[in-house]
Amino acid sequence: MVNDAVVSHNSVNELYYLEEVDSTNTWAKANLDKFGPVGAVYTTSQTAGRGRRGHTWINAELAQPESLPLFASMAVADALEQRYGIQCQIKWPNDLLLNGKKIVGILCEGMPDHHAIVCGIGINLAQP
C-alpha cells in the first residue's frame, strides 16, 4: 500500500481510499478495527486482487472510455426507474428525455494526466 486516506468519516460509516494495495479484501480484513458498523475501501490499483475460487484479478484500463457517457445514461435511467418509476429515453449518448423534454445531461471529460475521467450528471428536478 502506497497511501491510505479516510475519505469519509462519521459515527457509522468509514470510507478508505488506497492509492495502491495488494487486495482490498486483504487490507479490509487486516484493518477491520478501523471500520464502524458500515465501511468500505476502494482503490484504482490492486496488485494481487483475487476473485471467487482463487481466480486472480488483474487491473485493466478502461477499454472504451468513449462508451462511458452511454453507460452513465443507462445507469441514471435505471436508477430513476427503480427509485421513481420514471421511464426515460436515452438521447444518444448523454441526455435523458422524459415526455420529449430533456431532464438529464451528462458530460464526461478525460483527464489523461491523472488517468481519470470525470463524469458530471445534471438532473433537472424542478421541471414540471
C-alpha atoms as a PDB file:
ATOM      1  CA  MET A   1       0.000   0.000   0.000  1.00  0.00           C
ATOM      2  CA  VAL A   2       1.389   3.381  -1.008  1.00  0.00           C
ATOM      3  CA  ASN A   3      -1.118   5.632   0.700  1.00  0.00           C
ATOM      4  CA  ASP A   4      -4.358   5.291   2.609  1.00  0.00           C
ATOM      5  CA  ALA A   5      -6.722   8.077   3.416  1.00  0.00           C
ATOM      6  CA  VAL A   6     -10.042   8.325   5.163  1.00  0.00           C
ATOM      7  CA  VAL A   7     -12.337   9.768   2.537  1.00  0.00           C
ATOM      8  CA  SER A   8     -15.488   9.863   4.619  1.00  0.00           C
ATOM      9  CA  HIS A   9     -15.995   9.528   8.331  1.00  0.00           C
ATOM     10  CA  ASN A  10     -18.990   9.779  10.587  1.00  0.00           C
ATOM     11  CA  SER A  11     -20.224   7.837  13.569  1.00  0.00           C
ATOM     12  CA  VAL A  12     -21.484   4.971  11.386  1.00  0.00           C
ATOM     13  CA  ASN A  13     -19.584   4.882   8.095  1.00  0.00           C
ATOM     14  CA  GLU A  14     -15.923   4.734   7.104  1.00  0.00           C
ATOM     15  CA  LEU A  15     -14.690   5.015   3.506  1.00  0.00           C
ATOM     16  CA  TYR A  16     -10.984   4.478   2.808  1.00  0.00           C
ATOM     17  CA  TYR A  17      -9.156   5.206  -0.427  1.00  0.00           C
ATOM     18  CA  LEU A  18      -5.944   3.273  -1.049  1.00  0.00           C
ATOM     19  CA  GLU A  19      -3.723   4.561  -3.828  1.00  0.00           C
ATOM     20  CA  GLU A  20      -2.400   1.036  -4.358  1.00  0.00           C
ATOM     21  CA  VAL A  21      -2.946  -2.187  -2.447  1.00  0.00           C
ATOM     22  CA  ASP A  22      -2.357  -5.892  -2.907  1.00  0.00           C
ATOM     23  CA  SER A  23      -6.053  -6.696  -2.360  1.00  0.00           C
ATOM     24  CA  THR A  24      -8.836  -4.533  -0.937  1.00  0.00           C
ATOM     25  CA  ASN A  25     -10.317  -7.561   0.852  1.00  0.00           C
ATOM     26  CA  THR A  26      -6.970  -8.488   2.399  1.00  0.00           C
ATOM     27  CA  TRP A  27      -6.494  -4.892   3.582  1.00  0.00           C
ATOM     28  CA  ALA A  28     -10.044  -4.643   4.938  1.00  0.00           C
ATOM     29  CA  LYS A  29      -9.682  -7.886   6.913  1.00  0.00           C
ATOM     30  CA  ALA A  30      -6.307  -6.791   8.335  1.00  0.00           C
ATOM     31  CA  ASN A  31      -7.729  -3.369   9.283  1.00  0.00           C
ATOM     32  CA  LEU A  32     -11.190  -4.364  10.456  1.00  0.00           C
ATOM     33  CA  ASP A  33     -10.737  -2.385  13.668  1.00  0.00           C
ATOM     34  CA  LYS A  34     -10.674   0.862  11.620  1.00  0.00           C
ATOM     35  CA  PHE A  35     -14.274   0.374  10.482  1.00  0.00           C
ATOM     36  CA  GLY A  36     -17.510   1.110  12.281  1.00  0.00           C
ATOM     37  CA  PRO A  37     -20.670  -0.911  11.588  1.00  0.00           C
ATOM     38  CA  VAL A  38     -20.520   0.120   7.904  1.00  0.00           C
ATOM     39  CA  GLY A  39     -17.339   0.615   5.917  1.00  0.00           C
ATOM     40  CA  ALA A  40     -15.752   0.356   2.510  1.00  0.00           C
ATOM     41  CA  VAL A  41     -12.342   0.504   0.923  1.00  0.00           C
ATOM     42  CA  TYR A  42     -11.534   1.239  -2.705  1.00  0.00           C
ATOM     43  CA  THR A  43      -8.526   1.639  -4.965  1.00  0.00           C
ATOM     44  CA  THR A  44      -7.585   2.207  -8.562  1.00  0.00           C
ATOM     45  CA  SER A  45      -4.685  -0.256  -8.400  1.00  0.00           C
ATOM     46  CA  GLN A  46      -4.764  -3.791  -6.973  1.00  0.00           C
ATOM     47  CA  THR A  47      -1.517  -5.721  -7.380  1.00  0.00           C
ATOM     48  CA  ALA A  48      -2.786  -9.094  -6.151  1.00  0.00           C
ATOM     49  CA  GLY A  49      -6.553  -8.993  -6.425  1.00  0.00           C
ATOM     50  CA  ARG A  50      -8.493 -12.212  -6.386  1.00  0.00           C
ATOM     51  CA  GLY A  51     -11.935 -13.439  -7.229  1.00  0.00           C
ATOM     52  CA  ARG A  52     -14.058 -16.434  -6.418  1.00  0.00           C
ATOM     53  CA  ARG A  53     -12.489 -19.878  -6.268  1.00  0.00           C
ATOM     54  CA  GLY A  54      -8.986 -18.397  -6.057  1.00  0.00           C
ATOM     55  CA  HIS A  55      -9.025 -16.791  -9.504  1.00  0.00           C
ATOM     56  CA  THR A  56      -6.628 -13.873  -9.817  1.00  0.00           C
ATOM     57  CA  TRP A  57      -7.909 -10.447 -10.736  1.00  0.00           C
ATOM     58  CA  ILE A  58      -5.732  -8.051 -12.718  1.00  0.00           C
ATOM     59  CA  ASN A  59      -6.199  -4.309 -13.148  1.00  0.00           C
ATOM     60  CA  ALA A  60      -7.336  -3.348 -16.611  1.00  0.00           C
ATOM     61  CA  GLU A  61      -7.504   0.001 -18.295  1.00  0.00           C
ATOM     62  CA  LEU A  62     -10.947   1.253 -19.274  1.00  0.00           C
ATOM     63  CA  ALA A  63     -11.226  -0.446 -22.648  1.00  0.00           C
ATOM     64  CA  GLN A  64     -13.526   2.046 -24.332  1.00  0.00           C
ATOM     65  CA  PRO A  65     -13.684   5.347 -22.445  1.00  0.00           C
ATOM     66  CA  GLU A  66     -15.848   6.841 -25.193  1.00  0.00           C
ATOM     67  CA  SER A  67     -18.653   4.493 -24.099  1.00  0.00           C
ATOM     68  CA  LEU A  68     -18.750   5.929 -20.560  1.00  0.00           C
ATOM     69  CA  PRO A  69     -21.439   8.578 -21.329  1.00  0.00           C
ATOM     70  CA  LEU A  70     -23.747   5.871 -22.669  1.00  0.00           C
ATOM     71  CA  PHE A  71     -23.110   3.620 -19.649  1.00  0.00           C
ATOM     72  CA  ALA A  72     -23.756   6.592 -17.346  1.00  0.00           C
ATOM     73  CA  SER A  73     -27.006   7.333 -19.216  1.00  0.00           C
ATOM     74  CA  MET A  74     -28.127   3.744 -18.803  1.00  0.00           C
ATOM     75  CA  ALA A  75     -27.264   3.753 -15.093  1.00  0.00           C
ATOM     76  CA  VAL A  76     -29.127   7.014 -14.419  1.00  0.00           C
ATOM     77  CA  ALA A  77     -32.154   5.830 -16.429  1.00  0.00           C
ATOM     78  CA  ASP A  78     -32.204   2.612 -14.410  1.00  0.00           C
ATOM     79  CA  ALA A  79     -31.865   4.486 -11.093  1.00  0.00           C
ATOM     80  CA  LEU A  80     -34.701   6.881 -11.983  1.00  0.00           C
ATOM     81  CA  GLU A  81     -36.935   3.981 -12.950  1.00  0.00           C
ATOM     82  CA  GLN A  82     -36.102   1.979  -9.826  1.00  0.00           C
ATOM     83  CA  ARG A  83     -36.497   4.922  -7.439  1.00  0.00           C
ATOM     84  CA  TYR A  84     -39.304   6.951  -9.008  1.00  0.00           C
ATOM     85  CA  GLY A  85     -40.940   4.701 -11.606  1.00  0.00           C
ATOM     86  CA  ILE A  86     -39.871   7.124 -14.363  1.00  0.00           C
ATOM     87  CA  GLN A  87     -39.080   5.612 -17.744  1.00  0.00           C
ATOM     88  CA  CYS A  88     -36.714   7.879 -19.652  1.00  0.00           C
ATOM     89  CA  GLN A  89     -35.499   7.651 -23.201  1.00  0.00           C
ATOM     90  CA  ILE A  90     -31.779   7.957 -23.895  1.00  0.00           C
ATOM     91  CA  LYS A  91     -30.927  10.587 -26.477  1.00  0.00           C
ATOM     92  CA  TRP A  92     -27.593   9.315 -27.786  1.00  0.00           C
ATOM     93  CA  PRO A  93     -25.345   9.251 -25.929  1.00  0.00           C
ATOM     94  CA  ASN A  94     -25.562  11.605 -22.986  1.00  0.00           C
ATOM     95  CA  ASP A  95     -29.041  13.012 -22.438  1.00  0.00           C
ATOM     96  CA  LEU A  96     -32.200  11.557 -20.947  1.00  0.00           C
ATOM     97  CA  LEU A  97     -35.640  12.619 -22.086  1.00  0.00           C
ATOM     98  CA  LEU A  98     -38.953  12.366 -20.280  1.00  0.00           C
ATOM     99  CA  ASN A  99     -42.047  13.030 -22.388  1.00  0.00           C
ATOM    100  CA  GLY A 100     -39.784  14.583 -25.027  1.00  0.00           C
ATOM    101  CA  LYS A 101     -38.134  17.016 -22.596  1.00  0.00           C
ATOM    102  CA  LYS A 102     -34.509  16.828 -21.514  1.00  0.00           C
ATOM    103  CA  ILE A 103     -34.299  16.092 -17.809  1.00  0.00           C
ATOM    104  CA  VAL A 104     -30.717  14.774 -17.540  1.00  0.00           C
ATOM    105  CA  GLY A 105     -27.473  15.916 -19.107  1.00  0.00           C
ATOM    106  CA  ILE A 106     -24.223  14.008 -18.762  1.00  0.00           C
ATOM    107  CA  LEU A 107     -20.740  15.304 -19.523  1.00  0.00           C
ATOM    108  CA  CYS A 108     -17.702  13.022 -19.239  1.00  0.00           C
ATOM    109  CA  GLU A 109     -14.257  14.558 -19.582  1.00  0.00           C
ATOM    110  CA  GLY A 110     -10.930  12.762 -19.738  1.00  0.00           C
ATOM    111  CA  MET A 111      -8.033  13.819 -17.525  1.00  0.00           C
ATOM    112  CA  PRO A 112      -5.070  11.947 -19.074  1.00  0.00           C
ATOM    113  CA  ASP A 113      -2.528  13.475 -16.682  1.00  0.00           C
ATOM    114  CA  HIS A 114      -4.426  11.874 -13.789  1.00  0.00           C
ATOM    115  CA  HIS A 115      -5.513   8.682 -15.605  1.00  0.00           C
ATOM    116  CA  ALA A 116      -9.096   9.614 -14.766  1.00  0.00           C
ATOM    117  CA  ILE A 117     -12.418  10.503 -16.303  1.00  0.00           C
ATOM    118  CA  VAL A 118     -14.727  12.974 -14.569  1.00  0.00           C
ATOM    119  CA  CYS A 119     -18.395  12.314 -15.208  1.00  0.00           C
ATOM    120  CA  GLY A 120     -20.853  15.079 -14.322  1.00  0.00           C
ATOM    121  CA  ILE A 121     -24.554  14.250 -14.201  1.00  0.00           C
ATOM    122  CA  GLY A 122     -27.146  17.006 -14.019  1.00  0.00           C
ATOM    123  CA  ILE A 123     -30.732  16.081 -13.215  1.00  0.00           C
ATOM    124  CA  ASN A 124     -33.445  18.717 -13.593  1.00  0.00           C
ATOM    125  CA  LEU A 125     -35.611  18.225 -10.523  1.00  0.00           C
ATOM    126  CA  ALA A 126     -37.658  21.420 -10.926  1.00  0.00           C
ATOM    127  CA  GLN A 127     -39.113  20.735 -14.354  1.00  0.00           C
ATOM    128  CA  PRO A 128     -42.916  20.316 -14.301  1.00  0.00           C
END
